[in-house]
Amino acid sequence: MATLQVLQHVPMEGPARVADVAREMGFGVIAHALFDGAPVPPALSDGDVLVVMGGSMGVGDIGDARWPFLKDEVELVARTLKSDLPVLGICLGAQLMAHALGARVYPCLVGDPPVRHREVGWGAVTFIPPAGTEAALEGLDESEVVLHWHGDTFDLPRGARRLASTLACENQMFRFGRSYALQFHVEVTAADVKRWTAEDAAFVLAANGPRGAERILSDTDRYMVRHRQIGDRLIRNILATMSS
């Protein structure tokens, strides 16, 4: 049976609905708690999928003694992509994929003169190209509201196909061979969002000001039902495409 090998960087960012949907589809799921000292797997077995989750660290922290696993992790991602084995990267995972493919990862800037921008909270993402030309996007509207939680972005890697954008962040999703990178979060539940706003309060404050957490929680009540539908659909589409 094919297995999702999940690399988890921090306790609060687990696979959540990615794991639930995968199990419904017949996949096994193994989570590697890198934050708790679990080693980075040396390689994937045939049929397995590497899933790289989010976290508060970034590509610029590779080599930092606080996160010794990042170096081995990037090397695993690079080997897996080179071997055309499937990788799903979410948020930090997407940035690590872009880095492993030779693309630049850097703080998101907007405006003229440019200022630092953090996409944190609920907001629209536009899928490119239109549904029907990319199997992973089947059943999704051209624009959907998703959860964003990042301050860095990346250039589109050579050979990759851009699949989603926002006004502030051009590269929100890409496909490279059998692999997919998502800057936004399809995996979260309402309980996850509540935990993130509490445990990552300083990041929310820096991005959205003193009432940012209140607004995110209010928006979660408004958008979560639809988000769960499209999130599960996108996860299912991606895993099915990877397995075809």
C-alpha atoms as a PDB file:
ATOM      1  CA  MET A   1       0.000   0.000   0.000  1.00  0.00           C
ATOM      2  CA  ALA A   2       1.287   3.469  -0.874  1.00  0.00           C
ATOM      3  CA  THR A   3       2.157   5.654   2.098  1.00  0.00           C
ATOM      4  CA  LEU A   4       2.351   9.381   2.717  1.00  0.00           C
ATOM      5  CA  GLN A   5       5.682  10.136   4.389  1.00  0.00           C
ATOM      6  CA  VAL A   6       4.911  13.403   6.191  1.00  0.00           C
ATOM      7  CA  LEU A   7       7.680  15.741   7.373  1.00  0.00           C
ATOM      8  CA  GLN A   8       6.340  17.855  10.247  1.00  0.00           C
ATOM      9  CA  HIS A   9       8.382  20.874  11.397  1.00  0.00           C
ATOM     10  CA  VAL A  10       6.348  22.199  14.348  1.00  0.00           C
ATOM     11  CA  PRO A  11       3.711  20.596  16.592  1.00  0.00           C
ATOM     12  CA  MET A  12       0.825  22.816  15.462  1.00  0.00           C
ATOM     13  CA  GLU A  13       1.240  22.201  11.707  1.00  0.00           C
ATOM     14  CA  GLY A  14       0.434  18.545  11.175  1.00  0.00           C
ATOM     15  CA  PRO A  15      -1.060  16.935   8.071  1.00  0.00           C
ATOM     16  CA  ALA A  16      -4.645  17.335   9.360  1.00  0.00           C
ATOM     17  CA  ARG A  17      -7.062  16.855   6.432  1.00  0.00           C
ATOM     18  CA  VAL A  18      -4.275  15.719   4.105  1.00  0.00           C
ATOM     19  CA  ALA A  19      -3.919  12.648   6.310  1.00  0.00           C
ATOM     20  CA  ASP A  20      -7.675  12.167   6.669  1.00  0.00           C
ATOM     21  CA  VAL A  21      -8.348  12.326   2.931  1.00  0.00           C
ATOM     22  CA  ALA A  22      -5.338  10.122   2.172  1.00  0.00           C
ATOM     23  CA  ARG A  23      -6.594   7.415   4.540  1.00  0.00           C
ATOM     24  CA  GLU A  24     -10.057   7.613   2.945  1.00  0.00           C
ATOM     25  CA  MET A  25      -8.328   6.960  -0.401  1.00  0.00           C
ATOM     26  CA  GLY A  26      -6.487   3.923   0.959  1.00  0.00           C
ATOM     27  CA  PHE A  27      -3.072   5.473   1.631  1.00  0.00           C
ATOM     28  CA  GLY A  28      -1.083   4.812   4.761  1.00  0.00           C
ATOM     29  CA  VAL A  29       0.215   7.858   6.632  1.00  0.00           C
ATOM     30  CA  ILE A  30       3.453   8.112   8.616  1.00  0.00           C
ATOM     31  CA  ALA A  31       4.275  11.445  10.264  1.00  0.00           C
ATOM     32  CA  HIS A  32       7.937  12.178  11.034  1.00  0.00           C
ATOM     33  CA  ALA A  33       8.096  14.648  13.942  1.00  0.00           C
ATOM     34  CA  LEU A  34      11.291  16.423  12.919  1.00  0.00           C
ATOM     35  CA  PHE A  35      10.731  19.031  15.649  1.00  0.00           C
ATOM     36  CA  ASP A  36      10.948  16.240  18.216  1.00  0.00           C
ATOM     37  CA  GLY A  37      14.148  14.664  16.908  1.00  0.00           C
ATOM     38  CA  ALA A  38      12.781  12.214  14.354  1.00  0.00           C
ATOM     39  CA  PRO A  39      15.308  11.694  11.545  1.00  0.00           C
ATOM     40  CA  VAL A  40      14.627  12.718   7.965  1.00  0.00           C
ATOM     41  CA  PRO A  41      13.944   9.539   5.953  1.00  0.00           C
ATOM     42  CA  PRO A  42      16.862   8.759   3.618  1.00  0.00           C
ATOM     43  CA  ALA A  43      14.613   8.059   0.614  1.00  0.00           C
ATOM     44  CA  LEU A  44      11.108   7.199  -0.525  1.00  0.00           C
ATOM     45  CA  SER A  45       9.913   3.735  -1.451  1.00  0.00           C
ATOM     46  CA  ASP A  46       8.246   3.294  -4.835  1.00  0.00           C
ATOM     47  CA  GLY A  47       4.621   4.371  -4.636  1.00  0.00           C
ATOM     48  CA  ASP A  48       5.085   6.577  -1.588  1.00  0.00           C
ATOM     49  CA  VAL A  49       4.391  10.321  -1.495  1.00  0.00           C
ATOM     50  CA  LEU A  50       6.596  12.812   0.355  1.00  0.00           C
ATOM     51  CA  VAL A  51       4.517  15.490   2.118  1.00  0.00           C
ATOM     52  CA  VAL A  52       6.372  18.526   3.480  1.00  0.00           C
ATOM     53  CA  MET A  53       4.365  20.660   5.902  1.00  0.00           C
ATOM     54  CA  GLY A  54       4.638  24.270   7.035  1.00  0.00           C
ATOM     55  CA  GLY A  55       6.499  25.884   9.899  1.00  0.00           C
ATOM     56  CA  SER A  56       7.798  29.131  11.341  1.00  0.00           C
ATOM     57  CA  MET A  57      11.327  28.667   9.978  1.00  0.00           C
ATOM     58  CA  GLY A  58      12.348  29.428   6.388  1.00  0.00           C
ATOM     59  CA  VAL A  59      14.781  28.616   3.633  1.00  0.00           C
ATOM     60  CA  GLY A  60      17.112  31.232   5.085  1.00  0.00           C
ATOM     61  CA  ASP A  61      17.355  29.112   8.244  1.00  0.00           C
ATOM     62  CA  ILE A  62      19.005  26.149   6.519  1.00  0.00           C
ATOM     63  CA  GLY A  63      22.146  25.523   8.559  1.00  0.00           C
ATOM     64  CA  ASP A  64      20.720  27.141  11.709  1.00  0.00           C
ATOM     65  CA  ALA A  65      21.432  24.931  14.727  1.00  0.00           C
ATOM     66  CA  ARG A  66      17.863  25.400  15.952  1.00  0.00           C
ATOM     67  CA  TRP A  67      16.550  23.392  12.992  1.00  0.00           C
ATOM     68  CA  PRO A  68      19.263  20.885  12.103  1.00  0.00           C
ATOM     69  CA  PHE A  69      16.855  18.797  10.031  1.00  0.00           C
ATOM     70  CA  LEU A  70      16.403  21.418   7.285  1.00  0.00           C
ATOM     71  CA  LYS A  71      19.630  20.589   5.430  1.00  0.00           C
ATOM     72  CA  ASP A  72      18.888  16.854   5.206  1.00  0.00           C
ATOM     73  CA  GLU A  73      15.283  17.629   4.359  1.00  0.00           C
ATOM     74  CA  VAL A  74      16.114  19.838   1.396  1.00  0.00           C
ATOM     75  CA  GLU A  75      18.503  17.198   0.106  1.00  0.00           C
ATOM     76  CA  LEU A  76      15.732  14.584   0.351  1.00  0.00           C
ATOM     77  CA  VAL A  77      13.281  16.871  -1.454  1.00  0.00           C
ATOM     78  CA  ALA A  78      15.823  17.529  -4.216  1.00  0.00           C
ATOM     79  CA  ARG A  79      16.558  13.817  -4.683  1.00  0.00           C
ATOM     80  CA  THR A  80      12.886  12.945  -4.720  1.00  0.00           C
ATOM     81  CA  LEU A  81      12.036  15.599  -7.302  1.00  0.00           C
ATOM     82  CA  LYS A  82      14.988  14.604  -9.464  1.00  0.00           C
ATOM     83  CA  SER A  83      13.760  11.005  -9.386  1.00  0.00           C
ATOM     84  CA  ASP A  84      10.255  12.135 -10.469  1.00  0.00           C
ATOM     85  CA  LEU A  85       8.723  10.723  -7.308  1.00  0.00           C
ATOM     86  CA  PRO A  86       5.761  12.709  -5.949  1.00  0.00           C
ATOM     87  CA  VAL A  87       6.159  15.523  -3.440  1.00  0.00           C
ATOM     88  CA  LEU A  88       3.404  17.672  -1.935  1.00  0.00           C
ATOM     89  CA  GLY A  89       4.712  20.807  -0.248  1.00  0.00           C
ATOM     90  CA  ILE A  90       2.500  23.150   1.783  1.00  0.00           C
ATOM     91  CA  CYS A  91       3.628  26.673   2.754  1.00  0.00           C
ATOM     92  CA  LEU A  92       7.206  26.155   4.026  1.00  0.00           C
ATOM     93  CA  GLY A  93       7.108  22.856   2.146  1.00  0.00           C
ATOM     94  CA  ALA A  94       6.398  24.725  -1.089  1.00  0.00           C
ATOM     95  CA  GLN A  95       9.286  27.107  -0.401  1.00  0.00           C
ATOM     96  CA  LEU A  96      11.659  24.213   0.272  1.00  0.00           C
ATOM     97  CA  MET A  97      10.564  22.629  -3.019  1.00  0.00           C
ATOM     98  CA  ALA A  98      11.222  25.863  -4.914  1.00  0.00           C
ATOM     99  CA  HIS A  99      14.640  26.167  -3.264  1.00  0.00           C
ATOM    100  CA  ALA A 100      15.491  22.541  -4.059  1.00  0.00           C
ATOM    101  CA  LEU A 101      14.634  23.260  -7.709  1.00  0.00           C
ATOM    102  CA  GLY A 102      17.007  26.229  -7.818  1.00  0.00           C
ATOM    103  CA  ALA A 103      14.474  29.056  -7.496  1.00  0.00           C
ATOM    104  CA  ARG A 104      14.908  32.102  -5.275  1.00  0.00           C
ATOM    105  CA  VAL A 105      12.946  32.257  -1.988  1.00  0.00           C
ATOM    106  CA  TYR A 106      12.637  35.672  -0.349  1.00  0.00           C
ATOM    107  CA  PRO A 107      10.396  37.959   1.753  1.00  0.00           C
ATOM    108  CA  CYS A 108       7.169  38.995   0.043  1.00  0.00           C
ATOM    109  CA  LEU A 109       7.230  42.691  -0.888  1.00  0.00           C
ATOM    110  CA  VAL A 110       4.443  44.888  -2.264  1.00  0.00           C
ATOM    111  CA  GLY A 111       4.087  48.486  -3.402  1.00  0.00           C
ATOM    112  CA  ASP A 112       6.403  51.182  -4.710  1.00  0.00           C
ATOM    113  CA  PRO A 113       8.609  51.657  -2.813  1.00  0.00           C
ATOM    114  CA  PRO A 114       8.353  47.989  -1.794  1.00  0.00           C
ATOM    115  CA  VAL A 115       7.425  47.146   1.794  1.00  0.00           C
ATOM    116  CA  ARG A 116       7.319  43.819   3.621  1.00  0.00           C
ATOM    117  CA  HIS A 117       3.990  42.038   3.302  1.00  0.00           C
ATOM    118  CA  ARG A 118       2.670  39.038   5.216  1.00  0.00           C
ATOM    119  CA  GLU A 119      -0.333  37.163   3.861  1.00  0.00           C
ATOM    120  CA  VAL A 120      -2.062  35.965   7.033  1.00  0.00           C
ATOM    121  CA  GLY A 121      -5.756  35.106   7.129  1.00  0.00           C
ATOM    122  CA  TRP A 122      -8.518  34.322   4.679  1.00  0.00           C
ATOM    123  CA  GLY A 123      -8.279  35.632   1.139  1.00  0.00           C
ATOM    124  CA  ALA A 124      -8.984  34.780  -2.470  1.00  0.00           C
ATOM    125  CA  VAL A 125      -6.638  32.763  -4.650  1.00  0.00           C
ATOM    126  CA  THR A 126      -7.039  32.587  -8.433  1.00  0.00           C
ATOM    127  CA  PHE A 127      -6.322  29.285 -10.131  1.00  0.00           C
ATOM    128  CA  ILE A 128      -4.396  29.232 -13.408  1.00  0.00           C
ATOM    129  CA  PRO A 129      -5.045  27.766 -15.951  1.00  0.00           C
ATOM    130  CA  PRO A 130      -8.849  27.383 -16.060  1.00  0.00           C
ATOM    131  CA  ALA A 131     -10.319  24.137 -14.778  1.00  0.00           C
ATOM    132  CA  GLY A 132     -10.255  21.417 -17.398  1.00  0.00           C
ATOM    133  CA  THR A 133      -6.608  21.784 -18.352  1.00  0.00           C
ATOM    134  CA  GLU A 134      -5.137  20.609 -15.027  1.00  0.00           C
ATOM    135  CA  ALA A 135      -6.576  17.556 -13.291  1.00  0.00           C
ATOM    136  CA  ALA A 136      -5.648  18.827  -9.824  1.00  0.00           C
ATOM    137  CA  LEU A 137      -8.001  21.804 -10.265  1.00  0.00           C
ATOM    138  CA  GLU A 138     -11.075  19.860 -11.354  1.00  0.00           C
ATOM    139  CA  GLY A 139     -14.213  20.872  -9.464  1.00  0.00           C
ATOM    140  CA  LEU A 140     -12.810  24.202  -8.238  1.00  0.00           C
ATOM    141  CA  ASP A 141     -14.027  27.649  -9.213  1.00  0.00           C
ATOM    142  CA  GLU A 142     -11.595  30.019 -10.884  1.00  0.00           C
ATOM    143  CA  SER A 143     -11.223  31.880  -7.580  1.00  0.00           C
ATOM    144  CA  GLU A 144     -11.680  30.444  -4.097  1.00  0.00           C
ATOM    145  CA  VAL A 145     -11.138  31.756  -0.562  1.00  0.00           C
ATOM    146  CA  VAL A 146      -8.334  29.929   1.244  1.00  0.00           C
ATOM    147  CA  LEU A 147      -6.201  30.391   4.349  1.00  0.00           C
ATOM    148  CA  HIS A 148      -2.844  32.134   3.950  1.00  0.00           C
ATOM    149  CA  TRP A 149      -0.134  32.135   6.638  1.00  0.00           C
ATOM    150  CA  HIS A 150       3.243  33.191   5.264  1.00  0.00           C
ATOM    151  CA  GLY A 151       5.678  36.059   4.894  1.00  0.00           C
ATOM    152  CA  ASP A 152       7.996  34.637   2.213  1.00  0.00           C
ATOM    153  CA  THR A 153       7.439  33.860  -1.443  1.00  0.00           C
ATOM    154  CA  PHE A 154       9.446  32.314  -4.282  1.00  0.00           C
ATOM    155  CA  ASP A 155      10.156  32.571  -7.974  1.00  0.00           C
ATOM    156  CA  LEU A 156       8.624  29.960 -10.237  1.00  0.00           C
ATOM    157  CA  PRO A 157      11.196  27.173 -10.686  1.00  0.00           C
ATOM    158  CA  ARG A 158      12.408  26.400 -14.183  1.00  0.00           C
ATOM    159  CA  GLY A 159      10.247  23.661 -15.671  1.00  0.00           C
ATOM    160  CA  ALA A 160       7.360  24.250 -13.251  1.00  0.00           C
ATOM    161  CA  ARG A 161       3.821  25.260 -14.202  1.00  0.00           C
ATOM    162  CA  ARG A 162       2.126  28.033 -12.212  1.00  0.00           C
ATOM    163  CA  LEU A 163      -1.343  26.974 -11.052  1.00  0.00           C
ATOM    164  CA  ALA A 164      -2.469  29.730  -8.669  1.00  0.00           C
ATOM    165  CA  SER A 165      -1.780  33.359  -7.767  1.00  0.00           C
ATOM    166  CA  THR A 166      -2.893  36.203  -5.520  1.00  0.00           C
ATOM    167  CA  LEU A 167      -2.464  39.922  -6.094  1.00  0.00           C
ATOM    168  CA  ALA A 168       0.320  40.105  -3.518  1.00  0.00           C
ATOM    169  CA  CYS A 169       1.994  36.784  -4.269  1.00  0.00           C
ATOM    170  CA  GLU A 170       2.236  35.672  -7.887  1.00  0.00           C
ATOM    171  CA  ASN A 171       3.362  32.115  -7.186  1.00  0.00           C
ATOM    172  CA  GLN A 172       0.832  30.454  -4.910  1.00  0.00           C
ATOM    173  CA  MET A 173       0.857  26.983  -6.431  1.00  0.00           C
ATOM    174  CA  PHE A 174       2.919  25.124  -8.997  1.00  0.00           C
ATOM    175  CA  ARG A 175       3.268  21.702 -10.510  1.00  0.00           C
ATOM    176  CA  PHE A 176       6.624  20.133 -11.301  1.00  0.00           C
ATOM    177  CA  GLY A 177       6.286  16.738 -12.930  1.00  0.00           C
ATOM    178  CA  ARG A 178       4.246  14.628 -10.521  1.00  0.00           C
ATOM    179  CA  SER A 179       4.754  17.047  -7.627  1.00  0.00           C
ATOM    180  CA  TYR A 180       2.724  19.987  -6.322  1.00  0.00           C
ATOM    181  CA  ALA A 181       3.658  22.992  -4.194  1.00  0.00           C
ATOM    182  CA  LEU A 182       0.973  25.054  -2.422  1.00  0.00           C
ATOM    183  CA  GLN A 183       1.815  28.296  -0.638  1.00  0.00           C
ATOM    184  CA  PHE A 184      -1.643  28.403   0.964  1.00  0.00           C
ATOM    185  CA  HIS A 185      -3.204  25.954   3.432  1.00  0.00           C
ATOM    186  CA  VAL A 186      -5.780  23.396   2.259  1.00  0.00           C
ATOM    187  CA  GLU A 187      -5.314  21.072   5.218  1.00  0.00           C
ATOM    188  CA  VAL A 188      -6.566  23.136   8.145  1.00  0.00           C
ATOM    189  CA  THR A 189      -9.630  22.623  10.309  1.00  0.00           C
ATOM    190  CA  ALA A 190     -11.391  25.266  12.394  1.00  0.00           C
ATOM    191  CA  ALA A 191      -9.575  23.924  15.464  1.00  0.00           C
ATOM    192  CA  ASP A 192      -6.238  24.371  13.678  1.00  0.00           C
ATOM    193  CA  VAL A 193      -6.998  28.008  12.866  1.00  0.00           C
ATOM    194  CA  LYS A 194      -7.970  28.707  16.483  1.00  0.00           C
ATOM    195  CA  ARG A 195      -4.722  27.130  17.687  1.00  0.00           C
ATOM    196  CA  TRP A 196      -2.611  29.027  15.152  1.00  0.00           C
ATOM    197  CA  THR A 197      -4.060  32.419  16.077  1.00  0.00           C
ATOM    198  CA  ALA A 198      -3.228  31.714  19.720  1.00  0.00           C
ATOM    199  CA  GLU A 199       0.216  30.117  19.335  1.00  0.00           C
ATOM    200  CA  ASP A 200       1.359  32.372  16.489  1.00  0.00           C
ATOM    201  CA  ALA A 201      -0.161  35.558  17.905  1.00  0.00           C
ATOM    202  CA  ALA A 202       2.945  37.693  17.312  1.00  0.00           C
ATOM    203  CA  PHE A 203       2.950  36.820  13.592  1.00  0.00           C
ATOM    204  CA  VAL A 204      -0.763  37.612  13.302  1.00  0.00           C
ATOM    205  CA  LEU A 205      -0.208  40.937  15.073  1.00  0.00           C
ATOM    206  CA  ALA A 206       2.681  41.890  12.781  1.00  0.00           C
ATOM    207  CA  ALA A 207       0.613  41.045   9.707  1.00  0.00           C
ATOM    208  CA  ASN A 208      -2.837  42.347  10.610  1.00  0.00           C
ATOM    209  CA  GLY A 209      -2.672  44.542  13.676  1.00  0.00           C
ATOM    210  CA  PRO A 210      -4.300  44.222  17.104  1.00  0.00           C
ATOM    211  CA  ARG A 211      -7.669  42.939  15.835  1.00  0.00           C
ATOM    212  CA  GLY A 212      -6.182  40.520  13.339  1.00  0.00           C
ATOM    213  CA  ALA A 213      -6.847  37.370  15.331  1.00  0.00           C
ATOM    214  CA  GLU A 214     -10.458  38.401  15.937  1.00  0.00           C
ATOM    215  CA  ARG A 215     -11.008  38.939  12.226  1.00  0.00           C
ATOM    216  CA  ILE A 216      -9.393  35.611  11.270  1.00  0.00           C
ATOM    217  CA  LEU A 217     -11.605  33.699  13.699  1.00  0.00           C
ATOM    218  CA  SER A 218     -14.713  35.509  12.467  1.00  0.00           C
ATOM    219  CA  ASP A 219     -13.767  34.764   8.858  1.00  0.00           C
ATOM    220  CA  THR A 220     -13.189  31.117   9.787  1.00  0.00           C
ATOM    221  CA  ASP A 221     -16.848  30.809  10.789  1.00  0.00           C
ATOM    222  CA  ARG A 222     -17.806  32.377   7.470  1.00  0.00           C
ATOM    223  CA  TYR A 223     -15.548  30.442   5.099  1.00  0.00           C
ATOM    224  CA  MET A 224     -14.716  27.076   6.675  1.00  0.00           C
ATOM    225  CA  VAL A 225     -17.618  25.040   5.273  1.00  0.00           C
ATOM    226  CA  ARG A 226     -16.745  25.926   1.678  1.00  0.00           C
ATOM    227  CA  HIS A 227     -13.033  25.744   2.411  1.00  0.00           C
ATOM    228  CA  ARG A 228     -13.369  22.215   3.698  1.00  0.00           C
ATOM    229  CA  GLN A 229     -15.140  21.231   0.468  1.00  0.00           C
ATOM    230  CA  ILE A 230     -12.535  22.748  -1.836  1.00  0.00           C
ATOM    231  CA  GLY A 231      -9.614  21.785   0.373  1.00  0.00           C
ATOM    232  CA  ASP A 232     -10.612  18.138   0.448  1.00  0.00           C
ATOM    233  CA  ARG A 233     -11.320  18.222  -3.293  1.00  0.00           C
ATOM    234  CA  LEU A 234      -7.901  19.689  -4.063  1.00  0.00           C
ATOM    235  CA  ILE A 235      -6.116  17.200  -1.779  1.00  0.00           C
ATOM    236  CA  ARG A 236      -8.019  14.316  -3.361  1.00  0.00           C
ATOM    237  CA  ASN A 237      -7.307  15.588  -6.888  1.00  0.00           C
ATOM    238  CA  ILE A 238      -3.599  15.957  -6.190  1.00  0.00           C
ATOM    239  CA  LEU A 239      -3.189  12.529  -4.602  1.00  0.00           C
ATOM    240  CA  ALA A 240      -5.161  10.900  -7.428  1.00  0.00           C
ATOM    241  CA  THR A 241      -3.043  12.676 -10.051  1.00  0.00           C
ATOM    242  CA  MET A 242       0.160  11.625  -8.300  1.00  0.00           C
ATOM    243  CA  SER A 243      -1.018   8.016  -8.266  1.00  0.00           C
ATOM    244  CA  SER A 244      -2.153   7.839 -11.886  1.00  0.00           C
END
